[in-house]
Amino acid sequence: ENENSRHYTINQQIKATQVHGEVVNTLEGIFHSNGFETENTQKIDLIAKKDHSLSLIEVKSHSDTQSIYTAIGQLMYHELAFEPQVIKVIVLPHNVKSDQLICLRKLGIKVIRYKRLKKEIRFLDLGIE
């Protein structure tokens, strides 16, 4: 474990927060327009319900290892509050590495990738049913 201190600029934090909010809001709109009931809480980025299907969705602004580990933990922890089994989804930037995608799929977690094009968020692998 590297114990060196790290420095972050405020602009990066603000940009990450802004992108996170845009992704959540855009995704919520898409789910809504496809007949899903949606909800977000302080702890869960997005919950999408339709018929007997319930998805817990965690959005990350970065696809670094720590962000992915955090998302996995959040989904595993929060799924315990729901019955029956939920669909666990992590939404990550489009440049997520293929080995990360393989690991997430092996854990039973669906991945939706997104790309920001100018002022628009585009989702890859969305496959809403």
N, C-alpha and C. Protein backbone atom coordinates (compact mmCIF):
# COMPACT_ATOMS: atom_id res chain seq x y z
N GLU A 1 0.86 -1.18 0.00
CA GLU A 1 0.00 0.00 0.00
C GLU A 1 0.90 1.24 0.00
N ASN A 2 0.66 2.12 -0.92
CA ASN A 2 1.43 3.35 -1.02
C ASN A 2 0.89 4.36 -0.02
N GLU A 3 1.77 4.90 0.82
CA GLU A 3 1.34 5.84 1.84
C GLU A 3 1.62 7.29 1.47
N ASN A 4 2.02 7.53 0.23
CA ASN A 4 2.27 8.90 -0.20
C ASN A 4 0.97 9.68 -0.22
N SER A 5 1.05 10.95 0.14
CA SER A 5 -0.16 11.77 0.12
C SER A 5 -0.50 12.13 -1.32
N ARG A 6 -1.76 12.38 -1.55
CA ARG A 6 -2.22 12.76 -2.87
C ARG A 6 -2.89 14.12 -2.78
N HIS A 7 -2.75 14.88 -3.83
CA HIS A 7 -3.36 16.20 -3.87
C HIS A 7 -4.35 16.24 -5.03
N TYR A 8 -5.50 16.83 -4.78
CA TYR A 8 -6.53 16.96 -5.78
C TYR A 8 -6.89 18.43 -5.92
N THR A 9 -7.24 18.81 -7.13
CA THR A 9 -7.67 20.18 -7.32
C THR A 9 -9.19 20.24 -7.17
N ILE A 10 -9.67 21.36 -6.75
CA ILE A 10 -11.10 21.54 -6.53
C ILE A 10 -11.86 21.41 -7.85
N ASN A 11 -11.29 21.87 -8.95
CA ASN A 11 -11.98 21.80 -10.24
C ASN A 11 -12.34 20.37 -10.61
N GLN A 12 -11.46 19.40 -10.33
CA GLN A 12 -11.74 18.01 -10.64
C GLN A 12 -12.91 17.51 -9.80
N GLN A 13 -12.95 17.87 -8.54
CA GLN A 13 -14.04 17.42 -7.68
C GLN A 13 -15.37 17.98 -8.16
N ILE A 14 -15.38 19.23 -8.51
CA ILE A 14 -16.61 19.86 -8.98
C ILE A 14 -17.05 19.24 -10.29
N LYS A 15 -16.12 19.01 -11.22
CA LYS A 15 -16.45 18.41 -12.50
C LYS A 15 -17.00 17.01 -12.30
N ALA A 16 -16.40 16.22 -11.44
CA ALA A 16 -16.88 14.85 -11.18
C ALA A 16 -18.30 14.88 -10.63
N THR A 17 -18.56 15.79 -9.71
CA THR A 17 -19.90 15.90 -9.13
C THR A 17 -20.91 16.32 -10.19
N GLN A 18 -20.52 17.25 -11.05
CA GLN A 18 -21.41 17.72 -12.10
C GLN A 18 -21.72 16.59 -13.08
N VAL A 19 -20.70 15.85 -13.52
CA VAL A 19 -20.91 14.75 -14.45
C VAL A 19 -21.78 13.68 -13.80
N HIS A 20 -21.54 13.36 -12.56
CA HIS A 20 -22.31 12.36 -11.83
C HIS A 20 -23.79 12.73 -11.86
N GLY A 21 -24.11 13.96 -11.52
CA GLY A 21 -25.49 14.43 -11.51
C GLY A 21 -26.13 14.38 -12.88
N GLU A 22 -25.38 14.78 -13.90
CA GLU A 22 -25.90 14.75 -15.27
C GLU A 22 -26.22 13.32 -15.70
N VAL A 23 -25.32 12.39 -15.37
CA VAL A 23 -25.53 10.99 -15.74
C VAL A 23 -26.76 10.43 -15.04
N VAL A 24 -26.86 10.66 -13.72
CA VAL A 24 -28.01 10.16 -12.96
C VAL A 24 -29.31 10.74 -13.53
N ASN A 25 -29.36 12.04 -13.74
CA ASN A 25 -30.58 12.69 -14.23
C ASN A 25 -30.97 12.22 -15.63
N THR A 26 -29.98 12.09 -16.51
CA THR A 26 -30.26 11.64 -17.87
C THR A 26 -30.77 10.20 -17.86
N LEU A 27 -30.11 9.36 -17.08
CA LEU A 27 -30.51 7.96 -16.99
C LEU A 27 -31.91 7.83 -16.40
N GLU A 28 -32.19 8.62 -15.38
CA GLU A 28 -33.52 8.60 -14.77
C GLU A 28 -34.59 8.97 -15.80
N GLY A 29 -34.32 9.97 -16.62
CA GLY A 29 -35.26 10.37 -17.66
C GLY A 29 -35.50 9.26 -18.67
N ILE A 30 -34.46 8.55 -19.04
CA ILE A 30 -34.60 7.45 -20.00
C ILE A 30 -35.43 6.33 -19.40
N PHE A 31 -35.15 5.97 -18.16
CA PHE A 31 -35.94 4.92 -17.50
C PHE A 31 -37.41 5.34 -17.40
N HIS A 32 -37.63 6.58 -17.01
CA HIS A 32 -39.00 7.11 -16.89
C HIS A 32 -39.74 7.00 -18.21
N SER A 33 -39.09 7.43 -19.28
CA SER A 33 -39.75 7.42 -20.59
C SER A 33 -39.98 6.01 -21.11
N ASN A 34 -39.39 5.01 -20.48
CA ASN A 34 -39.60 3.61 -20.85
C ASN A 34 -40.50 2.89 -19.86
N GLY A 35 -41.27 3.66 -19.08
CA GLY A 35 -42.29 3.08 -18.21
C GLY A 35 -41.82 2.61 -16.85
N PHE A 36 -40.63 2.98 -16.44
CA PHE A 36 -40.13 2.61 -15.12
C PHE A 36 -40.50 3.66 -14.09
N GLU A 37 -40.77 3.22 -12.89
CA GLU A 37 -40.85 4.13 -11.75
C GLU A 37 -39.41 4.29 -11.26
N THR A 38 -39.03 5.51 -10.94
CA THR A 38 -37.66 5.74 -10.48
C THR A 38 -37.65 6.47 -9.16
N GLU A 39 -36.57 6.28 -8.45
CA GLU A 39 -36.38 6.93 -7.16
C GLU A 39 -34.88 7.01 -6.91
N ASN A 40 -34.46 8.07 -6.29
CA ASN A 40 -33.09 8.11 -5.80
C ASN A 40 -33.10 8.58 -4.36
N THR A 41 -32.14 8.07 -3.62
CA THR A 41 -32.05 8.40 -2.21
C THR A 41 -30.67 8.95 -1.93
N GLN A 42 -30.46 9.33 -0.71
CA GLN A 42 -29.15 9.84 -0.34
C GLN A 42 -28.08 8.75 -0.48
N LYS A 43 -28.48 7.48 -0.33
CA LYS A 43 -27.52 6.38 -0.36
C LYS A 43 -27.47 5.63 -1.68
N ILE A 44 -28.55 5.70 -2.45
CA ILE A 44 -28.63 4.95 -3.71
C ILE A 44 -28.85 5.94 -4.85
N ASP A 45 -27.96 5.88 -5.86
CA ASP A 45 -28.06 6.83 -6.96
C ASP A 45 -29.38 6.73 -7.70
N LEU A 46 -29.81 5.50 -8.03
CA LEU A 46 -31.05 5.36 -8.76
C LEU A 46 -31.63 3.97 -8.52
N ILE A 47 -32.95 3.94 -8.29
CA ILE A 47 -33.70 2.70 -8.20
C ILE A 47 -34.71 2.76 -9.33
N ALA A 48 -34.74 1.71 -10.16
CA ALA A 48 -35.68 1.66 -11.28
C ALA A 48 -36.56 0.43 -11.12
N LYS A 49 -37.89 0.65 -11.11
CA LYS A 49 -38.85 -0.45 -10.92
C LYS A 49 -39.82 -0.52 -12.09
N LYS A 50 -40.07 -1.75 -12.53
CA LYS A 50 -41.08 -1.98 -13.58
C LYS A 50 -41.56 -3.41 -13.42
N ASP A 51 -42.87 -3.55 -13.34
CA ASP A 51 -43.48 -4.87 -13.12
C ASP A 51 -42.86 -5.50 -11.88
N HIS A 52 -42.24 -6.65 -12.02
CA HIS A 52 -41.64 -7.33 -10.88
C HIS A 52 -40.12 -7.20 -10.88
N SER A 53 -39.60 -6.26 -11.64
CA SER A 53 -38.16 -6.05 -11.76
C SER A 53 -37.73 -4.81 -10.98
N LEU A 54 -36.65 -4.93 -10.26
CA LEU A 54 -36.12 -3.80 -9.50
C LEU A 54 -34.61 -3.74 -9.73
N SER A 55 -34.12 -2.60 -10.17
CA SER A 55 -32.68 -2.42 -10.41
C SER A 55 -32.13 -1.38 -9.45
N LEU A 56 -31.01 -1.71 -8.84
CA LEU A 56 -30.23 -0.75 -8.05
C LEU A 56 -29.10 -0.29 -8.95
N ILE A 57 -28.97 1.02 -9.10
CA ILE A 57 -28.01 1.57 -10.05
C ILE A 57 -27.06 2.51 -9.32
N GLU A 58 -25.77 2.25 -9.48
CA GLU A 58 -24.73 3.08 -8.88
C GLU A 58 -23.92 3.70 -10.01
N VAL A 59 -23.83 5.02 -10.02
CA VAL A 59 -23.12 5.77 -11.06
C VAL A 59 -21.77 6.22 -10.53
N LYS A 60 -20.75 6.04 -11.34
CA LYS A 60 -19.41 6.51 -10.99
C LYS A 60 -18.88 7.41 -12.11
N SER A 61 -18.18 8.47 -11.73
CA SER A 61 -17.62 9.41 -12.70
C SER A 61 -16.28 8.95 -13.24
N HIS A 62 -15.68 7.99 -12.55
CA HIS A 62 -14.36 7.47 -12.94
C HIS A 62 -14.41 5.95 -12.90
N SER A 63 -13.54 5.31 -13.68
CA SER A 63 -13.52 3.85 -13.70
C SER A 63 -12.24 3.31 -13.05
N ASP A 64 -11.68 4.06 -12.13
CA ASP A 64 -10.49 3.58 -11.42
C ASP A 64 -10.91 2.47 -10.45
N THR A 65 -9.94 1.72 -10.00
CA THR A 65 -10.21 0.56 -9.14
C THR A 65 -10.99 0.94 -7.90
N GLN A 66 -10.63 2.03 -7.24
CA GLN A 66 -11.31 2.42 -6.00
C GLN A 66 -12.78 2.75 -6.25
N SER A 67 -13.07 3.44 -7.34
CA SER A 67 -14.47 3.76 -7.67
C SER A 67 -15.28 2.49 -7.91
N ILE A 68 -14.68 1.53 -8.60
CA ILE A 68 -15.38 0.28 -8.88
C ILE A 68 -15.57 -0.52 -7.60
N TYR A 69 -14.54 -0.61 -6.75
CA TYR A 69 -14.68 -1.32 -5.47
C TYR A 69 -15.79 -0.69 -4.62
N THR A 70 -15.83 0.62 -4.61
CA THR A 70 -16.86 1.33 -3.84
C THR A 70 -18.25 1.00 -4.38
N ALA A 71 -18.41 1.03 -5.69
CA ALA A 71 -19.71 0.73 -6.29
C ALA A 71 -20.15 -0.70 -5.99
N ILE A 72 -19.22 -1.64 -6.07
CA ILE A 72 -19.55 -3.04 -5.76
C ILE A 72 -20.06 -3.14 -4.32
N GLY A 73 -19.34 -2.54 -3.40
CA GLY A 73 -19.73 -2.58 -1.99
C GLY A 73 -21.09 -1.93 -1.76
N GLN A 74 -21.32 -0.81 -2.38
CA GLN A 74 -22.60 -0.12 -2.22
C GLN A 74 -23.75 -0.99 -2.72
N LEU A 75 -23.58 -1.59 -3.88
CA LEU A 75 -24.65 -2.43 -4.43
C LEU A 75 -24.90 -3.66 -3.58
N MET A 76 -23.83 -4.33 -3.16
CA MET A 76 -23.97 -5.54 -2.35
C MET A 76 -24.64 -5.21 -1.00
N TYR A 77 -24.26 -4.11 -0.42
CA TYR A 77 -24.81 -3.71 0.87
C TYR A 77 -26.30 -3.34 0.75
N HIS A 78 -26.62 -2.51 -0.23
CA HIS A 78 -27.99 -2.00 -0.34
C HIS A 78 -28.97 -3.03 -0.89
N GLU A 79 -28.47 -4.03 -1.61
CA GLU A 79 -29.41 -5.04 -2.13
C GLU A 79 -30.05 -5.84 -1.01
N LEU A 80 -29.43 -5.87 0.14
CA LEU A 80 -29.96 -6.63 1.27
C LEU A 80 -31.29 -6.07 1.78
N ALA A 81 -31.56 -4.81 1.48
CA ALA A 81 -32.80 -4.17 1.94
C ALA A 81 -33.99 -4.47 1.01
N PHE A 82 -33.73 -5.15 -0.10
CA PHE A 82 -34.78 -5.39 -1.09
C PHE A 82 -34.99 -6.88 -1.30
N GLU A 83 -36.25 -7.23 -1.55
CA GLU A 83 -36.59 -8.60 -1.91
C GLU A 83 -37.52 -8.55 -3.10
N PRO A 84 -37.59 -9.48 -3.97
CA PRO A 84 -36.62 -10.57 -4.08
C PRO A 84 -35.30 -10.04 -4.63
N GLN A 85 -34.55 -10.88 -5.29
CA GLN A 85 -33.25 -10.49 -5.81
C GLN A 85 -33.39 -9.29 -6.76
N VAL A 86 -32.46 -8.38 -6.66
CA VAL A 86 -32.47 -7.19 -7.50
C VAL A 86 -31.42 -7.31 -8.60
N ILE A 87 -31.58 -6.49 -9.61
CA ILE A 87 -30.58 -6.38 -10.66
C ILE A 87 -29.61 -5.29 -10.22
N LYS A 88 -28.34 -5.64 -10.13
CA LYS A 88 -27.32 -4.69 -9.71
C LYS A 88 -26.65 -4.11 -10.96
N VAL A 89 -26.56 -2.77 -11.00
CA VAL A 89 -26.03 -2.10 -12.18
C VAL A 89 -25.01 -1.05 -11.76
N ILE A 90 -23.87 -1.04 -12.43
CA ILE A 90 -22.88 0.03 -12.25
C ILE A 90 -22.79 0.78 -13.58
N VAL A 91 -22.85 2.09 -13.51
CA VAL A 91 -22.74 2.95 -14.68
C VAL A 91 -21.36 3.60 -14.63
N LEU A 92 -20.56 3.36 -15.67
CA LEU A 92 -19.16 3.80 -15.69
C LEU A 92 -18.84 4.53 -17.00
N PRO A 93 -17.79 5.35 -16.99
CA PRO A 93 -17.35 5.98 -18.24
C PRO A 93 -17.00 4.91 -19.28
N HIS A 94 -17.13 5.29 -20.55
CA HIS A 94 -16.94 4.35 -21.65
C HIS A 94 -15.55 3.73 -21.71
N ASN A 95 -14.56 4.36 -21.09
CA ASN A 95 -13.19 3.87 -21.18
C ASN A 95 -12.84 2.83 -20.11
N VAL A 96 -13.83 2.22 -19.50
CA VAL A 96 -13.60 1.19 -18.50
C VAL A 96 -12.85 0.04 -19.19
N LYS A 97 -11.92 -0.56 -18.47
CA LYS A 97 -11.07 -1.62 -19.04
C LYS A 97 -11.83 -2.93 -19.17
N SER A 98 -11.47 -3.70 -20.17
CA SER A 98 -12.18 -4.96 -20.43
C SER A 98 -12.04 -5.95 -19.28
N ASP A 99 -10.90 -5.98 -18.60
CA ASP A 99 -10.75 -6.90 -17.46
C ASP A 99 -11.68 -6.50 -16.31
N GLN A 100 -11.93 -5.22 -16.16
CA GLN A 100 -12.87 -4.76 -15.14
C GLN A 100 -14.29 -5.20 -15.50
N LEU A 101 -14.65 -5.09 -16.77
CA LEU A 101 -15.97 -5.51 -17.22
C LEU A 101 -16.18 -7.00 -16.98
N ILE A 102 -15.18 -7.78 -17.27
CA ILE A 102 -15.26 -9.24 -17.07
C ILE A 102 -15.49 -9.56 -15.60
N CYS A 103 -14.73 -8.92 -14.71
CA CYS A 103 -14.88 -9.16 -13.27
C CYS A 103 -16.27 -8.78 -12.78
N LEU A 104 -16.76 -7.64 -13.22
CA LEU A 104 -18.09 -7.19 -12.79
C LEU A 104 -19.18 -8.15 -13.27
N ARG A 105 -19.06 -8.62 -14.49
CA ARG A 105 -20.05 -9.58 -15.01
C ARG A 105 -20.00 -10.88 -14.23
N LYS A 106 -18.80 -11.33 -13.86
CA LYS A 106 -18.68 -12.55 -13.06
C LYS A 106 -19.32 -12.39 -11.68
N LEU A 107 -19.35 -11.16 -11.18
CA LEU A 107 -20.00 -10.88 -9.90
C LEU A 107 -21.52 -10.72 -10.04
N GLY A 108 -22.01 -10.82 -11.26
CA GLY A 108 -23.44 -10.69 -11.49
C GLY A 108 -23.91 -9.25 -11.55
N ILE A 109 -22.99 -8.36 -11.89
CA ILE A 109 -23.32 -6.93 -11.96
C ILE A 109 -23.34 -6.51 -13.42
N LYS A 110 -24.46 -5.91 -13.81
CA LYS A 110 -24.59 -5.39 -15.17
C LYS A 110 -23.84 -4.07 -15.26
N VAL A 111 -23.23 -3.81 -16.40
CA VAL A 111 -22.48 -2.57 -16.60
C VAL A 111 -23.11 -1.78 -17.74
N ILE A 112 -23.36 -0.51 -17.48
CA ILE A 112 -23.78 0.42 -18.52
C ILE A 112 -22.66 1.44 -18.64
N ARG A 113 -22.16 1.60 -19.85
CA ARG A 113 -21.10 2.60 -20.08
C ARG A 113 -21.72 3.87 -20.64
N TYR A 114 -21.09 4.99 -20.33
CA TYR A 114 -21.58 6.26 -20.88
C TYR A 114 -20.43 7.05 -21.46
N LYS A 115 -20.81 7.94 -22.35
CA LYS A 115 -19.85 8.81 -23.01
C LYS A 115 -20.46 10.19 -23.06
N ARG A 116 -19.65 11.18 -22.77
CA ARG A 116 -20.13 12.56 -22.84
C ARG A 116 -19.73 13.14 -24.19
N LEU A 117 -20.72 13.54 -24.96
CA LEU A 117 -20.48 14.16 -26.26
C LEU A 117 -20.96 15.59 -26.19
N LYS A 118 -20.03 16.50 -26.15
CA LYS A 118 -20.32 17.92 -25.96
C LYS A 118 -21.18 18.09 -24.71
N LYS A 119 -22.45 18.42 -24.86
CA LYS A 119 -23.30 18.63 -23.68
C LYS A 119 -24.31 17.51 -23.51
N GLU A 120 -24.05 16.37 -24.14
CA GLU A 120 -25.01 15.27 -24.11
C GLU A 120 -24.35 14.02 -23.53
N ILE A 121 -25.10 13.28 -22.74
CA ILE A 121 -24.64 12.00 -22.21
C ILE A 121 -25.23 10.91 -23.08
N ARG A 122 -24.38 10.04 -23.61
CA ARG A 122 -24.83 8.90 -24.42
C ARG A 122 -24.51 7.62 -23.67
N PHE A 123 -25.46 6.70 -23.64
CA PHE A 123 -25.26 5.43 -22.94
C PHE A 123 -25.05 4.31 -23.94
N LEU A 124 -24.07 3.47 -23.63
CA LEU A 124 -23.81 2.26 -24.39
C LEU A 124 -24.31 1.11 -23.54
N ASP A 125 -24.68 0.02 -24.12
CA ASP A 125 -25.08 -1.19 -23.38
C ASP A 125 -26.33 -0.95 -22.52
N LEU A 126 -27.20 -0.03 -22.89
CA LEU A 126 -28.32 0.30 -22.02
C LEU A 126 -29.36 -0.83 -21.97
N GLY A 127 -29.83 -1.26 -23.10
CA GLY A 127 -30.75 -2.39 -23.18
C GLY A 127 -31.91 -2.37 -22.20
N ILE A 128 -32.67 -1.29 -22.18
CA ILE A 128 -33.83 -1.19 -21.28
C ILE A 128 -34.95 -2.06 -21.83
N GLU A 129 -35.57 -2.81 -20.92
CA GLU A 129 -36.69 -3.69 -21.32
C GLU A 129 -37.96 -3.26 -20.65
